[in-house]
């Protein structure tokens, strides 16, 4: 799998995966829950049996509440998905869900991919069988590579990747707290007629944010353990960078200056005439100062060309979704 580190504005980078467009952006809300009560350690000390019993009781109640919430969310989501869009109450709720899902940040699916990648599984050993001899050799490769512009350098690629990961981790942590606090209110909406779309969407978004957080944590670990094996230079990204990163030249004209000798005391006309002969006047002149400032403006055709070269047709759509979600003009 290839992951691309792409600049989309002067100080904004994004990660894009070639498999991002094939990921279903719908979380699976299974009613099954882990047997949390069995995770309590067995303590043979008689003094702790009462505390152990209360812990098991609390975990069972929590497990029951989670299972009930998931069951209601799954039931409501199923009713909405089976409804005809725009027809009746369920159809209008389905339209609302489609609209809300269209506002999901596109980078969320990128980090959800890393939620299932562990540090131990990052290096894959491959057996290679020689055709001429009976000997076999083994080689190792990584599960994915982060491609960066060749002119950027591996150190800065590591830095910018870490910045993107930390920013998205903070974003998902904030919204996971918000959706967790909203659970009691969305559960209370069950008394309303029709499927509880508020609970279904809230649980779905909470699960999605938690999955993305796990992905950012895994990627942070991989960056620390395999900083050299993870990155790979790309000439295609370098050409993309050079075409967009253009300097702007500014010219500053300095005002004409004159230097004259003046006196603040009163003097006779003869003395003034003598002073005028010693006045030195500097002729006006213009000074041109050229300032070069970077100008980074994305262009549709250049993004499409890059997508064609690296075979990622969804790259342009990915950037457009970021532009729409963050309400910033990126493509000019």
Foldseek 3Di string as FASTA:
>chain_A
DEWEWADQFPQDTAIDDLCLVVDDLFDDLDLDDDQVLVVDDDDPPPVCPVVNVVVSVVVVVVNVVSSVLSVLLVVLVVQLVPDDQPPPPSNPLVVVVVVVVLLDQSRLSVLLVQLPDALVQQKDKDKAADPVDRDIDIDIAGPYAYEYAPVCDLVVVLVNVLVNLVVLLVVLVVVLVVLVVCQVVLVVCVPPPGRSSVSNVSVRSNVSSVSSNSSSVRVVVCCVPCSPRHYDYDNLSNVLCVVFWFKDKDWDWDWFDWDWDDDDDDDDPVVVVVRVVPTDIDDGDIDIDIDIDIGGAAEPVSQCVSCVVVVRNCRVVSSVSNCVNVVHDRHD
